[in-house]
Amino acid sequence: MPTGSEKIIKSEDGSDISTIAAGTPGKTAIVFIHGMAMSFAAWTHLFDNPALSSDFYLVSLRSFFIEMARSGINTVTIDCI
């Protein structure tokens, strides 16, 4: 797990979103968005970089599938363009 802490944030519709955050809130934020079959582990090496976490506030979703389970969604439709 990357250096950081789990934070629950509220979406615009009131849903809880589980995130990992590192750095100082209030600094310029970098938001990492991974693909559907991935997790925050894709960004571990960046969250563990002290130069980034000292200069920025790093935020990543924990996992698309964790959020689906948390919200009760059991079907996802993906439209490919």
Foldseek 3Di string as FASTA:
>chain_A
DAPFDWDWDADPVGATFIKGKAADPPAAEDEDEDDQVDACVVCRVVSNDVVDRHRYIYMYGGHNVVSCVSVVNDDDDDDDD
